[in-house]
Amino acid sequence: MEDHAVLREGLAAWLNGGGHGIRVMGRYGSWDELAAHRGALADVVLLDVLLGDDVPLREKIRSVLDSGSQVVIFSSLSGGPLIREAIDAGALSFLPKTSSARDVAAAVRLAAQGRRYMTAEMEQALSAGGVRLTPREHQVISLYLVGEGQSMERTGRELRISVDSVKKHLASVRRKLGIRGSRTGKLALREMLSQEGWLPPENGFEENR
């Protein structure tokens, strides 16, 4: 499942015609397209992370698994937290789009057997541990802390949750970071989460919001 047609069709043609013992059953350019065919998916689904929708990655992975297919993530995004989130949700392997087509084929073949294709980046991410956030916690900090930051009220409105829920998610994130109380400012909190790989390092963040 890939939203760039050239890469999608090129990879499908290579997998079909390369003598890898793989038959491509479908090519989907969006999550809605794939969801409409959940009853007829192949044994393995190659799933991109960025598909231009608001459906959390964890939810997509669980939906594909519930349909009876295995999941291999194939993404331009990477990093320890994202890899751990995908594997925790049930994906068997996580391949960056810089991977060779042979690596993709190997990962698909192993996934069809319920086995993991382990890359060095995956091994490092899974052994590193680190802070684990839920999808909702990640959404909250992404709105509340990224860029110039915004208020809890606006964060709640955009996520359609209460301000109390925003506060509870932030408190949970602080606990996971080992922060006691709520005195740690936004700037310090964002820096800690950036170091953990959950937020991109950015300039222009305003502390007093």
C-alpha atoms as a PDB file:
ATOM      1  CA  MET A   1       0.000   0.000   0.000  1.00  0.00           C
ATOM      2  CA  GLU A   2       1.768   3.126  -1.295  1.00  0.00           C
ATOM      3  CA  ASP A   3       0.456   6.541  -2.349  1.00  0.00           C
ATOM      4  CA  HIS A   4       3.163   7.199  -4.967  1.00  0.00           C
ATOM      5  CA  ALA A   5       2.002   5.477  -8.139  1.00  0.00           C
ATOM      6  CA  VAL A   6       5.437   5.083  -9.765  1.00  0.00           C
ATOM      7  CA  LEU A   7       6.943   3.365  -6.733  1.00  0.00           C
ATOM      8  CA  ARG A   8       3.810   1.314  -6.151  1.00  0.00           C
ATOM      9  CA  GLU A   9       3.587  -0.004  -9.705  1.00  0.00           C
ATOM     10  CA  GLY A  10       7.336  -0.456 -10.098  1.00  0.00           C
ATOM     11  CA  LEU A  11       7.702  -2.466  -6.906  1.00  0.00           C
ATOM     12  CA  ALA A  12       4.618  -4.549  -7.724  1.00  0.00           C
ATOM     13  CA  ALA A  13       5.994  -5.373 -11.177  1.00  0.00           C
ATOM     14  CA  TRP A  14       9.380  -6.334  -9.732  1.00  0.00           C
ATOM     15  CA  LEU A  15       7.861  -8.574  -7.059  1.00  0.00           C
ATOM     16  CA  ASN A  16       5.522 -10.245  -9.552  1.00  0.00           C
ATOM     17  CA  GLY A  17       8.108 -10.862 -12.237  1.00  0.00           C
ATOM     18  CA  GLY A  18      11.315 -11.405 -10.331  1.00  0.00           C
ATOM     19  CA  GLY A  19      10.961 -15.098  -9.604  1.00  0.00           C
ATOM     20  CA  HIS A  20      10.531 -14.483  -5.872  1.00  0.00           C
ATOM     21  CA  GLY A  21       7.520 -16.729  -5.423  1.00  0.00           C
ATOM     22  CA  ILE A  22       5.386 -13.655  -4.686  1.00  0.00           C
ATOM     23  CA  ARG A  23       2.111 -12.723  -6.364  1.00  0.00           C
ATOM     24  CA  VAL A  24       0.811  -9.189  -5.881  1.00  0.00           C
ATOM     25  CA  MET A  25      -2.946  -9.296  -5.256  1.00  0.00           C
ATOM     26  CA  GLY A  26      -3.713  -5.592  -5.125  1.00  0.00           C
ATOM     27  CA  ARG A  27      -2.280  -2.087  -5.268  1.00  0.00           C
ATOM     28  CA  TYR A  28      -3.879   0.625  -3.156  1.00  0.00           C
ATOM     29  CA  GLY A  29      -3.034   4.311  -3.058  1.00  0.00           C
ATOM     30  CA  SER A  30      -4.959   5.236   0.085  1.00  0.00           C
ATOM     31  CA  TRP A  31      -6.166   3.762   3.350  1.00  0.00           C
ATOM     32  CA  ASP A  32      -9.799   4.044   2.198  1.00  0.00           C
ATOM     33  CA  GLU A  33      -9.003   1.951  -0.880  1.00  0.00           C
ATOM     34  CA  LEU A  34      -7.376  -0.766   1.209  1.00  0.00           C
ATOM     35  CA  ALA A  35     -10.146  -0.725   3.836  1.00  0.00           C
ATOM     36  CA  ALA A  36     -12.718  -1.264   1.095  1.00  0.00           C
ATOM     37  CA  HIS A  37     -10.944  -4.538   0.197  1.00  0.00           C
ATOM     38  CA  ARG A  38     -10.266  -5.846   3.718  1.00  0.00           C
ATOM     39  CA  GLY A  39     -12.039  -9.096   2.940  1.00  0.00           C
ATOM     40  CA  ALA A  40      -9.786  -9.878  -0.003  1.00  0.00           C
ATOM     41  CA  LEU A  41      -6.278  -8.887   1.045  1.00  0.00           C
ATOM     42  CA  ALA A  42      -3.156 -10.934   0.363  1.00  0.00           C
ATOM     43  CA  ASP A  43      -1.272 -12.920   2.996  1.00  0.00           C
ATOM     44  CA  VAL A  44       1.041  -9.921   3.522  1.00  0.00           C
ATOM     45  CA  VAL A  45       0.303  -6.208   3.254  1.00  0.00           C
ATOM     46  CA  LEU A  46       3.120  -3.737   2.593  1.00  0.00           C
ATOM     47  CA  LEU A  47       1.912  -0.659   4.461  1.00  0.00           C
ATOM     48  CA  ASP A  48       3.220   2.896   4.192  1.00  0.00           C
ATOM     49  CA  VAL A  49       3.114   5.192   7.231  1.00  0.00           C
ATOM     50  CA  LEU A  50       2.173   8.419   5.443  1.00  0.00           C
ATOM     51  CA  LEU A  51      -0.995   8.116   3.377  1.00  0.00           C
ATOM     52  CA  GLY A  52      -2.557  11.547   3.771  1.00  0.00           C
ATOM     53  CA  ASP A  53      -5.183  10.565   6.337  1.00  0.00           C
ATOM     54  CA  ASP A  54      -5.770  10.891  10.071  1.00  0.00           C
ATOM     55  CA  VAL A  55      -6.022   7.181  10.906  1.00  0.00           C
ATOM     56  CA  PRO A  56      -3.366   6.253  13.517  1.00  0.00           C
ATOM     57  CA  LEU A  57      -0.736   3.769  12.365  1.00  0.00           C
ATOM     58  CA  ARG A  58      -1.560   1.393  15.219  1.00  0.00           C
ATOM     59  CA  GLU A  59      -5.210   1.316  14.172  1.00  0.00           C
ATOM     60  CA  LYS A  60      -4.282   0.548  10.562  1.00  0.00           C
ATOM     61  CA  ILE A  61      -1.987  -2.295  11.564  1.00  0.00           C
ATOM     62  CA  ARG A  62      -4.587  -3.846  13.870  1.00  0.00           C
ATOM     63  CA  SER A  63      -7.249  -3.567  11.159  1.00  0.00           C
ATOM     64  CA  VAL A  64      -5.063  -5.405   8.625  1.00  0.00           C
ATOM     65  CA  LEU A  65      -4.139  -8.075  11.175  1.00  0.00           C
ATOM     66  CA  ASP A  66      -7.809  -8.593  12.033  1.00  0.00           C
ATOM     67  CA  SER A  67      -8.458  -9.295   8.347  1.00  0.00           C
ATOM     68  CA  GLY A  68      -6.012 -12.211   8.510  1.00  0.00           C
ATOM     69  CA  SER A  69      -3.013 -10.611   6.788  1.00  0.00           C
ATOM     70  CA  GLN A  70       0.468  -9.964   8.127  1.00  0.00           C
ATOM     71  CA  VAL A  71       1.950  -6.450   7.982  1.00  0.00           C
ATOM     72  CA  VAL A  72       5.327  -5.214   6.788  1.00  0.00           C
ATOM     73  CA  ILE A  73       5.865  -1.453   7.108  1.00  0.00           C
ATOM     74  CA  PHE A  74       7.548   0.197   4.115  1.00  0.00           C
ATOM     75  CA  SER A  75       8.114   3.870   4.829  1.00  0.00           C
ATOM     76  CA  SER A  76      10.133   7.000   4.107  1.00  0.00           C
ATOM     77  CA  LEU A  77       9.848   7.765   7.831  1.00  0.00           C
ATOM     78  CA  SER A  78      11.882   5.850  10.354  1.00  0.00           C
ATOM     79  CA  GLY A  79      13.354   6.218  13.834  1.00  0.00           C
ATOM     80  CA  GLY A  80      13.236   4.165  17.012  1.00  0.00           C
ATOM     81  CA  PRO A  81       9.871   5.316  18.421  1.00  0.00           C
ATOM     82  CA  LEU A  82       8.043   4.788  15.116  1.00  0.00           C
ATOM     83  CA  ILE A  83       9.601   1.358  14.617  1.00  0.00           C
ATOM     84  CA  ARG A  84       8.708   0.333  18.182  1.00  0.00           C
ATOM     85  CA  GLU A  85       5.140   1.600  17.740  1.00  0.00           C
ATOM     86  CA  ALA A  86       4.704  -0.431  14.552  1.00  0.00           C
ATOM     87  CA  ILE A  87       6.192  -3.621  16.001  1.00  0.00           C
ATOM     88  CA  ASP A  88       4.230  -3.227  19.255  1.00  0.00           C
ATOM     89  CA  ALA A  89       1.041  -2.941  17.175  1.00  0.00           C
ATOM     90  CA  GLY A  90       1.810  -6.243  15.454  1.00  0.00           C
ATOM     91  CA  ALA A  91       3.794  -5.450  12.301  1.00  0.00           C
ATOM     92  CA  LEU A  92       6.433  -8.100  11.656  1.00  0.00           C
ATOM     93  CA  SER A  93       9.040  -5.903   9.977  1.00  0.00           C
ATOM     94  CA  PHE A  94       9.818  -2.257   9.299  1.00  0.00           C
ATOM     95  CA  LEU A  95      11.721  -1.353   6.121  1.00  0.00           C
ATOM     96  CA  PRO A  96      12.781   2.138   5.039  1.00  0.00           C
ATOM     97  CA  LYS A  97      12.162   3.041   1.394  1.00  0.00           C
ATOM     98  CA  THR A  98      15.926   3.116   0.919  1.00  0.00           C
ATOM     99  CA  SER A  99      15.861  -0.691   1.247  1.00  0.00           C
ATOM    100  CA  SER A 100      16.674  -2.807  -1.788  1.00  0.00           C
ATOM    101  CA  ALA A 101      13.874  -4.611  -3.599  1.00  0.00           C
ATOM    102  CA  ARG A 102      15.519  -7.887  -2.559  1.00  0.00           C
ATOM    103  CA  ASP A 103      15.166  -6.909   1.098  1.00  0.00           C
ATOM    104  CA  VAL A 104      11.488  -6.131   0.529  1.00  0.00           C
ATOM    105  CA  ALA A 105      10.955  -9.494  -1.151  1.00  0.00           C
ATOM    106  CA  ALA A 106      12.735 -11.293   1.693  1.00  0.00           C
ATOM    107  CA  ALA A 107      10.619  -9.491   4.295  1.00  0.00           C
ATOM    108  CA  VAL A 108       7.401 -10.363   2.446  1.00  0.00           C
ATOM    109  CA  ARG A 109       8.332 -14.035   2.095  1.00  0.00           C
ATOM    110  CA  LEU A 110       9.179 -14.342   5.802  1.00  0.00           C
ATOM    111  CA  ALA A 111       6.048 -12.449   6.846  1.00  0.00           C
ATOM    112  CA  ALA A 112       3.924 -14.927   4.871  1.00  0.00           C
ATOM    113  CA  GLN A 113       5.389 -17.565   7.206  1.00  0.00           C
ATOM    114  CA  GLY A 114       4.701 -15.427  10.275  1.00  0.00           C
ATOM    115  CA  ARG A 115       8.404 -14.663  10.641  1.00  0.00           C
ATOM    116  CA  ARG A 116      10.260 -11.387  11.105  1.00  0.00           C
ATOM    117  CA  TYR A 117      12.858  -9.926   8.747  1.00  0.00           C
ATOM    118  CA  MET A 118      15.183  -8.168  11.180  1.00  0.00           C
ATOM    119  CA  THR A 119      17.173  -5.178   9.959  1.00  0.00           C
ATOM    120  CA  ALA A 120      19.994  -3.527  11.909  1.00  0.00           C
ATOM    121  CA  GLU A 121      17.804  -0.453  12.484  1.00  0.00           C
ATOM    122  CA  MET A 122      14.964  -2.590  13.836  1.00  0.00           C
ATOM    123  CA  GLU A 123      17.305  -4.484  16.126  1.00  0.00           C
ATOM    124  CA  GLN A 124      18.726  -1.248  17.486  1.00  0.00           C
ATOM    125  CA  ALA A 125      15.280   0.299  17.993  1.00  0.00           C
ATOM    126  CA  LEU A 126      13.847  -2.733  19.770  1.00  0.00           C
ATOM    127  CA  SER A 127      16.855  -3.210  22.011  1.00  0.00           C
ATOM    128  CA  ALA A 128      17.042   0.475  22.941  1.00  0.00           C
ATOM    129  CA  GLY A 129      13.727   0.459  24.740  1.00  0.00           C
ATOM    130  CA  GLY A 130      13.088   4.113  25.426  1.00  0.00           C
ATOM    131  CA  VAL A 131       9.905   5.953  26.296  1.00  0.00           C
ATOM    132  CA  ARG A 132       6.782   4.323  24.870  1.00  0.00           C
ATOM    133  CA  LEU A 133       3.836   6.621  24.153  1.00  0.00           C
ATOM    134  CA  THR A 134       0.328   5.635  23.153  1.00  0.00           C
ATOM    135  CA  PRO A 135      -1.010   6.897  19.797  1.00  0.00           C
ATOM    136  CA  ARG A 136      -3.239   9.409  21.605  1.00  0.00           C
ATOM    137  CA  GLU A 137      -0.354  10.674  23.757  1.00  0.00           C
ATOM    138  CA  HIS A 138       1.669  11.171  20.587  1.00  0.00           C
ATOM    139  CA  GLN A 139      -1.192  13.129  19.004  1.00  0.00           C
ATOM    140  CA  VAL A 140      -1.501  15.352  22.082  1.00  0.00           C
ATOM    141  CA  ILE A 141       2.196  16.227  22.303  1.00  0.00           C
ATOM    142  CA  SER A 142       2.411  16.757  18.547  1.00  0.00           C
ATOM    143  CA  LEU A 143      -0.263  19.452  18.736  1.00  0.00           C
ATOM    144  CA  TYR A 144       0.619  20.888  22.130  1.00  0.00           C
ATOM    145  CA  LEU A 145       4.389  21.091  21.679  1.00  0.00           C
ATOM    146  CA  VAL A 146       5.382  21.124  17.992  1.00  0.00           C
ATOM    147  CA  GLY A 147       6.167  24.401  16.218  1.00  0.00           C
ATOM    148  CA  GLU A 148       5.143  27.396  18.273  1.00  0.00           C
ATOM    149  CA  GLY A 149       2.978  25.201  20.490  1.00  0.00           C
ATOM    150  CA  GLN A 150      -0.650  25.832  21.342  1.00  0.00           C
ATOM    151  CA  SER A 151      -2.975  25.861  24.331  1.00  0.00           C
ATOM    152  CA  MET A 152      -4.536  22.831  25.992  1.00  0.00           C
ATOM    153  CA  GLU A 153      -7.944  24.181  24.987  1.00  0.00           C
ATOM    154  CA  ARG A 154      -7.058  24.306  21.297  1.00  0.00           C
ATOM    155  CA  THR A 155      -5.342  20.920  21.478  1.00  0.00           C
ATOM    156  CA  GLY A 156      -8.517  19.460  22.966  1.00  0.00           C
ATOM    157  CA  ARG A 157     -10.726  21.059  20.316  1.00  0.00           C
ATOM    158  CA  GLU A 158      -8.622  19.730  17.446  1.00  0.00           C
ATOM    159  CA  LEU A 159      -8.607  16.212  18.899  1.00  0.00           C
ATOM    160  CA  ARG A 160     -12.237  16.465  20.044  1.00  0.00           C
ATOM    161  CA  ILE A 161     -11.377  15.625  23.614  1.00  0.00           C
ATOM    162  CA  SER A 162     -11.769  17.564  26.849  1.00  0.00           C
ATOM    163  CA  VAL A 163      -9.112  19.782  28.405  1.00  0.00           C
ATOM    164  CA  ASP A 164      -9.047  17.341  31.340  1.00  0.00           C
ATOM    165  CA  SER A 165      -8.194  14.540  28.913  1.00  0.00           C
ATOM    166  CA  VAL A 166      -5.371  16.627  27.457  1.00  0.00           C
ATOM    167  CA  LYS A 167      -4.040  17.222  30.973  1.00  0.00           C
ATOM    168  CA  LYS A 168      -4.231  13.501  31.797  1.00  0.00           C
ATOM    169  CA  HIS A 169      -2.310  12.554  28.641  1.00  0.00           C
ATOM    170  CA  LEU A 170       0.360  15.157  29.353  1.00  0.00           C
ATOM    171  CA  ALA A 171       0.639  13.944  32.943  1.00  0.00           C
ATOM    172  CA  SER A 172       1.092  10.396  31.654  1.00  0.00           C
ATOM    173  CA  VAL A 173       3.837  11.531  29.270  1.00  0.00           C
ATOM    174  CA  ARG A 174       5.616  13.315  32.117  1.00  0.00           C
ATOM    175  CA  ARG A 175       5.457  10.186  34.278  1.00  0.00           C
ATOM    176  CA  LYS A 176       6.953   8.108  31.481  1.00  0.00           C
ATOM    177  CA  LEU A 177       9.762  10.633  31.190  1.00  0.00           C
ATOM    178  CA  GLY A 178      10.375  10.428  34.920  1.00  0.00           C
ATOM    179  CA  ILE A 179       9.133  13.960  35.589  1.00  0.00           C
ATOM    180  CA  ARG A 180       7.451  14.528  38.930  1.00  0.00           C
ATOM    181  CA  GLY A 181       4.749  17.152  39.091  1.00  0.00           C
ATOM    182  CA  SER A 182       3.901  19.593  36.304  1.00  0.00           C
ATOM    183  CA  ARG A 183       6.509  22.322  36.804  1.00  0.00           C
ATOM    184  CA  THR A 184       8.630  21.297  33.827  1.00  0.00           C
ATOM    185  CA  GLY A 185       7.983  23.898  31.127  1.00  0.00           C
ATOM    186  CA  LYS A 186       6.923  23.238  27.572  1.00  0.00           C
ATOM    187  CA  LEU A 187      10.368  24.003  26.192  1.00  0.00           C
ATOM    188  CA  ALA A 188      12.092  21.469  28.450  1.00  0.00           C
ATOM    189  CA  LEU A 189       9.374  18.888  27.849  1.00  0.00           C
ATOM    190  CA  ARG A 190       9.639  19.295  24.084  1.00  0.00           C
ATOM    191  CA  GLU A 191      13.431  18.972  24.259  1.00  0.00           C
ATOM    192  CA  MET A 192      13.177  15.726  26.237  1.00  0.00           C
ATOM    193  CA  LEU A 193      10.684  14.269  23.763  1.00  0.00           C
ATOM    194  CA  SER A 194      12.861  15.378  20.842  1.00  0.00           C
ATOM    195  CA  GLN A 195      15.818  13.537  22.367  1.00  0.00           C
ATOM    196  CA  GLU A 196      13.635  10.432  22.652  1.00  0.00           C
ATOM    197  CA  GLY A 197      12.738  10.750  18.970  1.00  0.00           C
ATOM    198  CA  TRP A 198       9.044  11.517  19.476  1.00  0.00           C
ATOM    199  CA  LEU A 199       9.228  15.122  18.247  1.00  0.00           C
ATOM    200  CA  PRO A 200      11.392  16.812  15.622  1.00  0.00           C
ATOM    201  CA  PRO A 201      13.895  19.401  16.846  1.00  0.00           C
ATOM    202  CA  GLU A 202      12.442  22.796  16.021  1.00  0.00           C
ATOM    203  CA  ASN A 203      13.123  26.470  16.490  1.00  0.00           C
ATOM    204  CA  GLY A 204      10.627  29.214  17.216  1.00  0.00           C
ATOM    205  CA  PHE A 205       8.878  27.474  20.088  1.00  0.00           C
ATOM    206  CA  GLU A 206       7.336  29.890  22.571  1.00  0.00           C
ATOM    207  CA  GLU A 207       7.500  28.922  26.224  1.00  0.00           C
ATOM    208  CA  ASN A 208       4.700  31.079  27.593  1.00  0.00           C
ATOM    209  CA  ARG A 209       1.538  29.679  26.082  1.00  0.00           C
END
